[in-house]
Protein backbone atom coordinates (compact mmCIF):
# COMPACT_ATOMS: atom_id res chain seq x y z
CA MET A 1 -58.48 164.14 202.68
CA LEU A 2 -60.56 161.89 200.97
CA ARG A 3 -63.33 162.79 199.17
CA PHE A 4 -65.51 160.24 200.60
CA THR A 5 -65.09 157.43 203.74
CA TRP A 6 -65.40 153.53 202.10
CA LEU A 7 -68.03 155.39 200.41
CA PHE A 8 -68.30 155.26 196.04
CA LEU A 9 -69.94 157.18 194.50
CA LEU A 10 -72.63 155.65 191.97
CA ILE A 11 -72.45 157.06 188.42
CA ALA A 12 -75.88 157.28 186.22
CA CYS A 13 -75.25 154.69 183.31
CA ASN A 14 -77.94 152.93 181.70
CA SER A 15 -78.48 149.16 181.98
CA SER A 16 -75.88 149.15 179.08
CA GLY A 17 -73.15 150.78 180.73
CA SER A 18 -73.23 153.51 178.48
CA ILE A 19 -73.19 157.17 179.84
CA LYS A 20 -76.29 158.96 178.25
CA ILE A 21 -76.29 162.75 178.22
CA GLY A 22 -79.71 165.12 177.83
CA GLY A 23 -79.98 166.88 174.83
CA PRO A 24 -81.55 168.01 171.21
CA ASP A 25 -79.41 164.76 169.81
CA ASP A 26 -80.77 162.26 171.82
CA THR A 27 -82.49 159.48 169.77
CA GLY A 28 -85.03 158.89 172.56
CA THR A 29 -88.91 160.03 171.55
CA ASP A 30 -88.49 161.78 175.00
CA GLY A 31 -85.76 163.61 174.63
CA ASP A 32 -82.99 161.20 176.13
CA ALA A 33 -79.91 158.95 175.15
CA ASP A 34 -81.58 155.68 175.85
CA THR A 35 -84.27 154.61 174.27
CA ASP A 36 -86.97 153.85 176.38
CA THR A 37 -90.40 156.60 176.00
CA ASP A 38 -90.02 158.07 179.78
CA ALA A 39 -89.00 161.84 180.63
CA ASP A 40 -86.71 160.16 183.20
CA THR A 41 -87.98 162.25 186.21
CA ASP A 42 -89.87 158.85 187.28
CA THR A 43 -89.41 157.02 189.85
CA ASP A 44 -88.17 153.75 187.06
CA ALA A 45 -91.77 154.28 186.05
CA ASP A 46 -90.12 153.45 182.65
CA THR A 47 -89.95 150.57 179.93
CA ASP A 48 -85.87 150.05 180.31
CA THR A 49 -84.91 146.93 181.12
CA SER A 50 -82.94 148.66 184.79
CA PRO A 51 -84.83 148.72 187.67
CA ALA A 52 -82.76 151.24 188.90
CA PRO A 53 -84.32 154.91 187.94
CA ASP A 54 -82.73 156.92 184.98
CA VAL A 55 -80.75 159.60 185.61
CA GLU A 56 -80.36 162.59 183.26
CA GLU A 57 -76.16 163.22 182.73
CA PRO A 58 -76.65 167.15 182.44
CA LEU A 59 -75.97 169.03 179.37
CA PRO A 60 -72.42 169.01 178.30
CA ASP A 61 -70.14 171.78 177.21
CA LEU A 62 -68.39 170.81 174.12
CA VAL A 63 -68.79 167.60 171.85
CA VAL A 64 -66.51 165.50 170.30
CA ASP A 65 -67.05 163.68 166.91
CA CYS A 66 -64.25 162.60 164.82
CA GLU A 67 -67.30 162.39 162.14
CA GLY A 68 -66.89 166.07 162.13
CA THR A 69 -70.47 166.39 163.86
CA GLY A 70 -69.55 167.71 166.84
CA ASP A 71 -67.91 171.46 168.09
CA PHE A 72 -64.61 169.72 167.77
CA ASP A 73 -63.16 165.91 166.45
CA ASP A 74 -60.01 165.71 168.15
CA ILE A 75 -60.72 165.37 172.13
CA GLN A 76 -57.42 167.52 172.89
CA ASP A 77 -58.80 170.40 171.05
CA ALA A 78 -61.66 170.11 173.23
CA ILE A 79 -59.24 169.96 176.09
CA ASP A 80 -57.27 173.47 175.34
CA ALA A 81 -60.64 175.08 174.71
CA ALA A 82 -62.05 174.40 177.97
CA VAL A 83 -63.04 176.44 180.00
CA SER A 84 -62.97 174.98 184.05
CA PRO A 85 -64.48 173.33 185.27
CA ALA A 86 -66.15 171.96 182.08
CA ARG A 87 -67.98 168.90 181.00
CA ILE A 88 -66.87 166.97 177.72
CA ALA A 89 -68.53 164.59 176.10
CA VAL A 90 -66.79 162.25 172.83
CA LYS A 91 -68.89 159.99 170.41
CA LYS A 92 -68.71 157.23 170.09
CA CYS A 93 -64.76 156.69 167.54
CA THR A 94 -61.29 155.76 167.65
CA TYR A 95 -58.95 158.75 168.32
CA HIS A 96 -55.27 158.93 167.97
CA GLU A 97 -54.52 161.19 170.22
CA ARG A 98 -52.69 161.03 173.47
CA LEU A 99 -54.18 164.00 176.17
CA ASP A 100 -53.25 166.76 178.99
CA TYR A 101 -56.23 168.26 181.33
CA LEU A 102 -53.51 170.55 181.75
CA GLY A 103 -54.39 171.19 185.38
CA LYS A 104 -57.85 172.33 184.56
CA VAL A 105 -61.63 169.98 186.22
CA ILE A 106 -63.51 168.41 182.89
CA ASP A 107 -65.30 165.78 182.89
CA LEU A 108 -64.25 163.40 180.15
CA TYR A 109 -67.02 160.80 178.87
CA GLY A 110 -67.60 158.81 176.74
CA ILE A 111 -71.53 158.98 175.27
CA ASP A 112 -71.48 155.26 174.44
CA GLY A 113 -68.91 153.95 176.70
CA SER A 114 -65.74 151.93 176.98
CA ALA A 115 -66.71 149.27 173.77
CA GLU A 116 -67.43 152.07 171.77
CA THR A 117 -64.94 154.42 172.68
CA VAL A 118 -61.12 154.16 172.33
CA LEU A 119 -58.32 156.27 173.00
CA ASP A 120 -54.78 154.44 170.56
CA GLY A 121 -51.97 156.50 172.30
CA ASP A 122 -50.59 154.68 169.45
CA GLY A 123 -46.93 153.81 171.45
CA GLY A 124 -45.89 157.34 171.49
CA GLY A 125 -45.95 157.59 175.78
CA THR A 126 -48.48 157.86 178.44
CA VAL A 127 -52.38 157.97 177.09
CA VAL A 128 -53.58 160.38 179.66
CA ASP A 129 -52.07 162.98 181.79
CA ILE A 130 -53.96 164.46 184.17
CA GLU A 131 -51.49 166.49 186.84
CA MET A 132 -51.80 169.10 189.25
CA MET A 133 -55.43 170.10 189.43
CA GLU A 134 -57.40 172.73 190.35
CA THR A 135 -58.96 172.83 193.17
CA GLY A 136 -62.10 170.08 192.32
CA TRP A 137 -63.09 166.04 191.24
CA THR A 138 -61.82 165.32 187.39
CA ARG A 139 -63.59 162.42 186.06
CA PHE A 140 -62.21 160.29 183.11
CA ALA A 141 -65.42 158.25 181.79
CA GLY A 142 -66.24 155.27 178.91
CA PHE A 143 -63.30 155.02 177.46
CA THR A 144 -60.54 151.70 176.23
CA VAL A 145 -57.41 153.01 176.39
CA VAL A 146 -54.71 151.38 174.20
CA ASP A 147 -51.11 151.02 173.29
CA GLY A 148 -49.86 153.45 175.76
CA TYR A 149 -45.51 152.90 176.09
CA ASP A 150 -43.70 154.42 179.22
CA LEU A 151 -41.12 152.13 180.64
CA ALA A 152 -40.26 153.84 183.29
CA ASP A 153 -43.81 154.94 184.68
CA GLY A 154 -47.58 154.72 183.66
CA ALA A 155 -48.32 154.44 180.12
CA GLY A 156 -51.91 154.75 180.63
CA MET A 157 -52.66 157.12 182.61
CA GLU A 158 -50.60 159.01 184.99
CA ILE A 159 -52.22 160.91 188.04
CA THR A 160 -50.87 163.45 189.40
CA GLY A 161 -51.56 165.81 192.45
CA ALA A 162 -54.99 165.97 192.03
CA MET A 163 -59.01 164.17 192.36
CA ALA A 164 -59.89 161.78 189.47
CA GLU A 165 -63.13 159.00 188.84
CA LEU A 166 -62.40 156.42 186.53
CA HIS A 167 -65.71 154.71 185.46
CA ASP A 168 -66.05 152.96 182.87
CA VAL A 169 -62.73 152.27 181.76
CA VAL A 170 -60.58 149.81 180.51
CA PHE A 171 -56.80 149.50 179.62
CA GLU A 172 -55.59 146.96 177.63
CA ASP A 173 -52.59 146.53 175.02
CA ASN A 174 -50.62 149.02 177.38
CA GLU A 175 -46.99 148.69 177.98
CA GLY A 176 -44.81 149.82 180.67
CA LEU A 177 -43.24 149.83 184.22
CA ASN A 178 -47.21 150.66 185.18
CA ILE A 179 -50.38 151.07 183.46
CA VAL A 180 -51.75 153.25 186.28
CA ARG A 181 -49.92 155.55 188.87
CA SER A 182 -51.42 157.90 190.88
CA MET A 183 -48.80 160.19 193.21
CA ASN A 184 -50.15 162.08 195.84
CA SER A 185 -53.96 161.37 194.20
CA ALA A 186 -57.63 160.71 195.55
CA ILE A 187 -58.74 158.98 193.35
CA ASP A 188 -61.58 156.55 192.76
CA LEU A 189 -62.69 153.52 190.35
CA ARG A 190 -65.51 152.33 189.57
CA ASP A 191 -66.00 149.02 187.13
CA VAL A 192 -62.61 149.40 186.06
CA VAL A 193 -60.26 147.25 183.97
CA ILE A 194 -56.31 146.55 184.04
CA SER A 195 -56.07 143.71 181.93
CA GLY A 196 -53.80 142.26 178.88
CA ASN A 197 -50.90 145.30 179.22
CA GLN A 198 -47.38 144.29 179.18
CA VAL A 199 -46.22 145.13 182.92
CA SER A 200 -42.50 145.40 183.05
CA ALA A 201 -41.02 142.14 185.70
CA GLU A 202 -40.33 144.85 188.04
CA GLY A 203 -43.36 146.93 186.83
CA GLN A 204 -46.90 146.43 188.78
CA ALA A 205 -50.32 147.15 186.74
CA LEU A 206 -51.08 150.32 189.38
CA TRP A 207 -49.43 152.03 191.41
CA VAL A 208 -50.12 154.31 194.11
CA ASP A 209 -47.69 156.68 196.22
CA GLY A 210 -49.50 159.49 198.35
CA GLY A 211 -52.67 160.05 199.16
CA ASN A 212 -56.06 157.13 198.96
CA ALA A 213 -56.94 155.66 196.34
CA ASN A 214 -60.90 153.19 196.34
CA MET A 215 -62.28 150.87 194.11
CA ASP A 216 -65.62 149.09 193.36
CA GLN A 217 -65.95 146.59 190.71
CA THR A 218 -62.46 146.45 189.77
CA SER A 219 -60.90 144.02 187.43
CA ILE A 220 -56.89 143.80 188.08
CA ASN A 221 -54.01 141.99 186.43
CA CYS A 222 -49.90 142.40 187.11
CA ASP A 223 -49.88 141.01 183.49
CA GLY A 224 -46.20 139.79 184.43
CA GLY A 225 -45.33 142.71 187.09
CA THR A 226 -44.39 142.26 190.51
CA GLN A 227 -47.32 143.30 191.96
CA ALA A 228 -51.01 143.74 190.64
CA VAL A 229 -51.85 147.18 193.15
CA TRP A 230 -48.49 148.58 194.57
CA HIS A 231 -49.84 151.11 197.14
CA HIS A 232 -48.49 153.17 199.99
CA VAL A 233 -51.30 155.09 201.30
CA ALA A 234 -55.57 154.25 202.87
CA LEU A 235 -57.12 151.67 200.08
CA LEU A 236 -60.33 150.59 199.94
CA VAL A 237 -61.02 147.23 197.30
CA VAL A 238 -64.88 146.30 196.77
CA ASP A 239 -66.21 143.71 195.17
CA SER A 240 -63.47 143.44 192.89
CA GLU A 241 -60.31 140.78 191.84
CA ILE A 242 -56.88 141.64 191.66
CA ASN A 243 -54.48 138.61 190.86
CA CYS A 244 -51.16 138.17 189.91
CA ASP A 245 -49.41 134.31 189.13
CA THR A 246 -46.29 136.26 189.24
CA GLY A 247 -45.67 138.61 191.96
CA TYR A 248 -48.14 140.21 194.92
CA GLY A 249 -51.91 140.32 194.75
CA ILE A 250 -51.88 143.61 196.25
CA MET A 251 -48.27 144.97 198.55
CA ASP A 252 -48.92 147.35 201.05
CA TYR A 253 -45.67 149.74 202.07
CA HIS A 254 -46.59 151.15 205.35
CA GLY A 255 -50.12 151.60 204.22
CA GLU A 256 -53.85 151.02 205.27
CA ASP A 257 -56.06 147.96 203.61
CA GLN A 258 -59.69 146.90 203.72
CA VAL A 259 -61.08 144.60 201.25
CA LEU A 260 -65.10 143.36 201.08
CA ARG A 261 -65.99 141.05 199.25
CA SER A 262 -63.55 140.97 196.69
CA THR A 263 -60.83 137.57 195.83
CA VAL A 264 -57.21 138.56 195.95
CA THR A 265 -54.21 136.35 194.99
CA GLY A 266 -51.15 136.07 193.67
CA GLY A 267 -48.20 133.60 192.56
CA VAL A 268 -46.01 134.50 195.41
CA ALA A 269 -48.99 135.59 198.13
CA GLY A 270 -52.39 137.89 197.69
CA ILE A 271 -51.69 140.44 200.13
CA TYR A 272 -48.55 141.72 201.90
CA ALA A 273 -48.92 144.00 204.11
CA ALA A 274 -46.45 145.59 206.48
CA ASP A 275 -46.22 148.71 208.37
CA THR A 276 -43.35 149.78 210.11
CA GLU A 277 -41.89 147.72 213.26
CA SER A 278 -40.10 151.56 214.19
CA THR A 279 -42.10 153.47 216.43
CA ASP A 280 -39.27 156.38 216.09
CA GLU A 281 -40.24 156.79 212.51
CA GLU A 282 -43.98 155.97 212.90
CA PRO A 283 -44.91 156.85 216.24
CA ASP A 284 -48.32 155.10 215.75
CA SER A 285 -46.66 151.94 214.40
CA PRO A 286 -48.75 149.72 213.72
CA SER A 287 -52.17 151.21 214.34
CA GLU A 288 -52.73 151.25 210.61
CA ARG A 289 -55.61 148.96 210.42
CA PHE A 290 -55.74 145.48 207.63
CA ILE A 291 -59.11 144.91 207.06
CA VAL A 292 -60.81 141.78 205.40
CA LYS A 293 -64.42 140.68 204.85
CA ASN A 294 -66.20 138.83 203.10
CA SER A 295 -63.65 138.24 200.76
CA VAL A 296 -61.05 135.04 199.74
CA ILE A 297 -57.16 135.57 199.91
CA GLY A 298 -54.72 133.59 198.21
CA GLY A 299 -51.15 132.97 197.28
CA GLY A 300 -48.04 130.67 196.04
CA SER A 301 -46.44 130.81 199.48
CA VAL A 302 -48.45 132.53 201.34
CA GLY A 303 -52.37 134.04 201.57
CA ALA A 304 -51.30 137.16 203.02
CA ASP A 305 -48.44 138.92 204.95
CA VAL A 306 -49.34 140.32 207.80
CA ARG A 307 -46.85 142.47 209.72
CA TYR A 308 -46.88 145.22 212.44
CA MET A 309 -50.03 146.20 212.36
CA THR A 310 -54.17 145.35 213.02
CA LEU A 311 -55.72 142.90 211.79
CA ASP A 312 -59.83 142.99 211.41
CA ILE A 313 -60.76 139.59 209.99
CA GLN A 314 -64.42 138.32 209.35
CA ASN A 315 -65.93 135.82 207.26
CA SER A 316 -63.09 135.08 205.50
CA VAL A 317 -60.82 132.42 203.30
CA PHE A 318 -57.11 132.50 203.21
CA TYR A 319 -55.44 130.06 201.58
CA GLY A 320 -51.06 129.55 200.45
CA ASP A 321 -48.94 126.54 200.35
CA ASP A 322 -46.69 127.55 203.32
CA SER A 323 -49.24 130.13 205.96
CA ALA A 324 -52.87 130.80 205.00
CA LEU A 325 -51.64 133.47 206.84
CA SER A 326 -48.81 134.87 208.06
CA MET A 327 -48.82 137.60 210.98
CA THR A 328 -45.10 139.00 212.77
CA ALA A 329 -45.54 141.11 215.17
CA ASN A 330 -49.21 142.57 214.92
CA SER A 331 -50.88 144.36 217.07
CA SER A 332 -52.17 142.04 220.22
CA SER A 333 -56.25 143.73 219.40
CA SER A 334 -55.32 141.96 216.47
CA THR A 335 -59.44 139.59 215.86
CA SER A 336 -59.97 136.56 213.71
CA VAL A 337 -64.16 135.55 213.38
CA ASN A 338 -65.42 133.34 211.27
CA ASN A 339 -62.49 132.47 209.05
CA VAL A 340 -61.64 129.65 207.06
CA PHE A 341 -57.65 129.00 206.73
CA ALA A 342 -57.15 125.68 204.50
CA LYS A 343 -55.46 124.39 202.14
CA SER A 344 -51.96 125.12 203.83
CA ALA A 345 -48.86 123.68 205.68
CA CYS A 346 -49.39 125.92 208.25
CA GLY A 347 -52.93 128.08 209.18
CA ILE A 348 -51.30 130.45 210.59
CA THR A 349 -48.26 131.50 211.60
CA GLY A 350 -47.58 133.49 214.03
CA ASP A 351 -45.18 135.13 216.99
CA GLN A 352 -48.30 136.67 219.31
CA SER A 353 -51.23 136.33 220.98
CA PHE A 354 -54.38 137.57 219.09
CA ALA A 355 -58.41 137.10 219.62
CA ASP A 356 -59.33 133.80 217.11
CA ARG A 357 -62.70 132.73 217.02
CA TYR A 358 -65.23 130.79 215.48
CA SER A 359 -62.51 129.82 212.96
CA SER A 360 -62.62 126.19 210.68
CA PHE A 361 -59.07 124.71 209.90
CA TRP A 362 -59.07 122.45 207.10
CA ASP A 363 -56.55 120.58 206.04
CA ASN A 364 -53.08 122.12 207.42
CA GLY A 365 -50.51 120.39 208.10
CA ALA A 366 -50.74 122.02 210.93
CA ASP A 367 -53.48 124.46 211.96
CA GLY A 368 -51.08 127.36 214.20
CA CYS A 369 -47.00 127.36 214.15
CA GLY A 370 -45.84 129.92 216.89
CA ILE A 371 -49.17 130.93 217.82
CA THR A 372 -52.42 129.67 219.68
CA VAL A 373 -55.83 129.40 217.34
CA SER A 374 -59.12 128.01 218.27
CA PRO A 375 -60.75 125.71 215.74
CA GLU A 376 -64.60 125.76 215.74
CA VAL A 377 -64.40 123.05 212.49
CA THR A 378 -61.53 120.73 211.72
CA ASP A 379 -63.76 118.94 209.38
CA ASP A 380 -64.66 119.20 205.20
CA PRO A 381 -65.96 122.17 204.72
CA LEU A 382 -67.99 121.06 201.32
CA PHE A 383 -67.74 124.18 199.42
CA THR A 384 -68.69 123.77 196.35
CA ARG A 385 -65.69 123.21 194.34
CA TRP A 386 -62.19 124.67 195.51
CA PRO A 387 -60.77 127.07 195.13
CA THR A 388 -63.28 128.67 192.81
CA ASP A 389 -66.75 128.88 194.46
CA LEU A 390 -66.78 129.24 198.27
CA THR A 391 -70.45 128.40 198.16
CA LEU A 392 -71.21 126.11 201.00
CA ASP A 393 -73.33 123.13 200.68
CA PRO A 394 -76.35 122.53 202.97
CA ALA A 395 -74.19 119.95 204.58
CA SER A 396 -72.03 121.61 205.35
CA PRO A 397 -70.64 121.55 208.43
CA LEU A 398 -69.71 126.16 208.41
CA VAL A 399 -73.51 126.20 208.09
CA ASN A 400 -75.00 128.12 211.71
CA ALA A 401 -71.43 127.78 212.78
CA GLY A 402 -70.11 130.65 213.48
CA SER A 403 -69.62 133.74 216.17
CA PRO A 404 -73.86 133.77 217.76
CA ALA A 405 -73.10 137.51 217.63
CA LEU A 406 -72.79 137.56 213.75
CA ASP A 407 -75.91 136.61 212.13
CA ASP A 408 -76.70 135.63 208.20
CA SER A 409 -78.36 138.56 206.56
CA ASP A 410 -81.01 136.05 206.67
CA GLY A 411 -81.33 136.36 210.36
CA SER A 412 -79.57 132.95 211.38
CA ARG A 413 -76.33 132.51 213.29
CA SER A 414 -73.61 133.46 210.86
CA ASP A 415 -71.75 131.06 208.62
CA ILE A 416 -67.87 130.41 208.10
CA GLY A 417 -66.65 131.55 205.34
CA ARG A 418 -66.74 134.16 202.96
CA TYR A 419 -70.50 133.62 202.40
CA GLY A 420 -71.27 134.33 206.12
CA GLY A 421 -72.17 137.00 209.01
CA PRO A 422 -73.98 140.33 207.59
CA ALA A 423 -72.72 140.06 204.35
CA GLY A 424 -73.45 136.80 204.03
CA GLY A 425 -76.71 137.64 201.67
CA TRP A 426 -74.19 139.49 198.50
């Protein structure tokens, strides 16, 4: 069950991204962990550089410090001693440990953030195990995870039967079939980087089967694997970058996708999303949703390959060598509004009718193949820089050419493309 639907818990952090706690060891003059002079209980009449009000972390139950000033020198010793639920604060250091949450509900966080707090698995196996949790959410925040090794499962982290939040976490220099692997769990990733690892040729950077997954401000690279993200869940991607030069950005096996204000690219395809054609196997087929808004989906041969689903795509850009968008047996209620299909042998390849309105088809061999499309604009969109900067020149024919029912954030008629429509001003 989703802890929240299409929303994210915003974890409090200061302007440098470090996680703050209060207490007698604070270095500020007001008793908190930052360096401003207010007590951080106002509505941001403070002297730090963040425009958002500061929110103090509750006091930890235990403190870990490799220098010996905390309750424990080692993180696992603190986990062993913790009474669930517990908050464990970790001071900056490189900790040569592999952690097991032991089924406890624990909020484990590096006080000074991922840039200062390193968890080194020393090549001994999975670095962090979060498995079979008690009722309640657990958190892992403010760490860089390195030197995990597991060619059968997740080298950096394994999450099984749990509800877990990852915030300000970097996974790098790990080697495995997967870097983060989640089974039958609800996971939230915010400000997470999975990149600079060594993923098996048949593997994935993030593998999620069962439960659900939400990500915000997250960057994932497959680093030699087959997919950056493989999932069989409801997946939400917001303000994120996902890339796999050697395969698929996202592969959806009988799940759902919602991609908002993000970029997903792959050497084979940006996204491959397929439900099942068999209504005997899954009676609700093809009701699974494929939602893409204000995003860029690009690939080697196909930008997005979507099968047996219901599409809702808006103000996005699709491109691929063969097809920008390939559609197979999708719901007739699928819709496309204010999108760009570009630089492909065929703009949209498909085998069914669907509602396509206010679209731009640019520099394709053919606009539609096996499917009826309705080009609104076929002239050069005048993107600032294809495909890395898709903002529009003021003289672009896409400006104010979108659906009149979808105003831009400034109140004008919507533009076509990534920066148009209700979210066009972000």
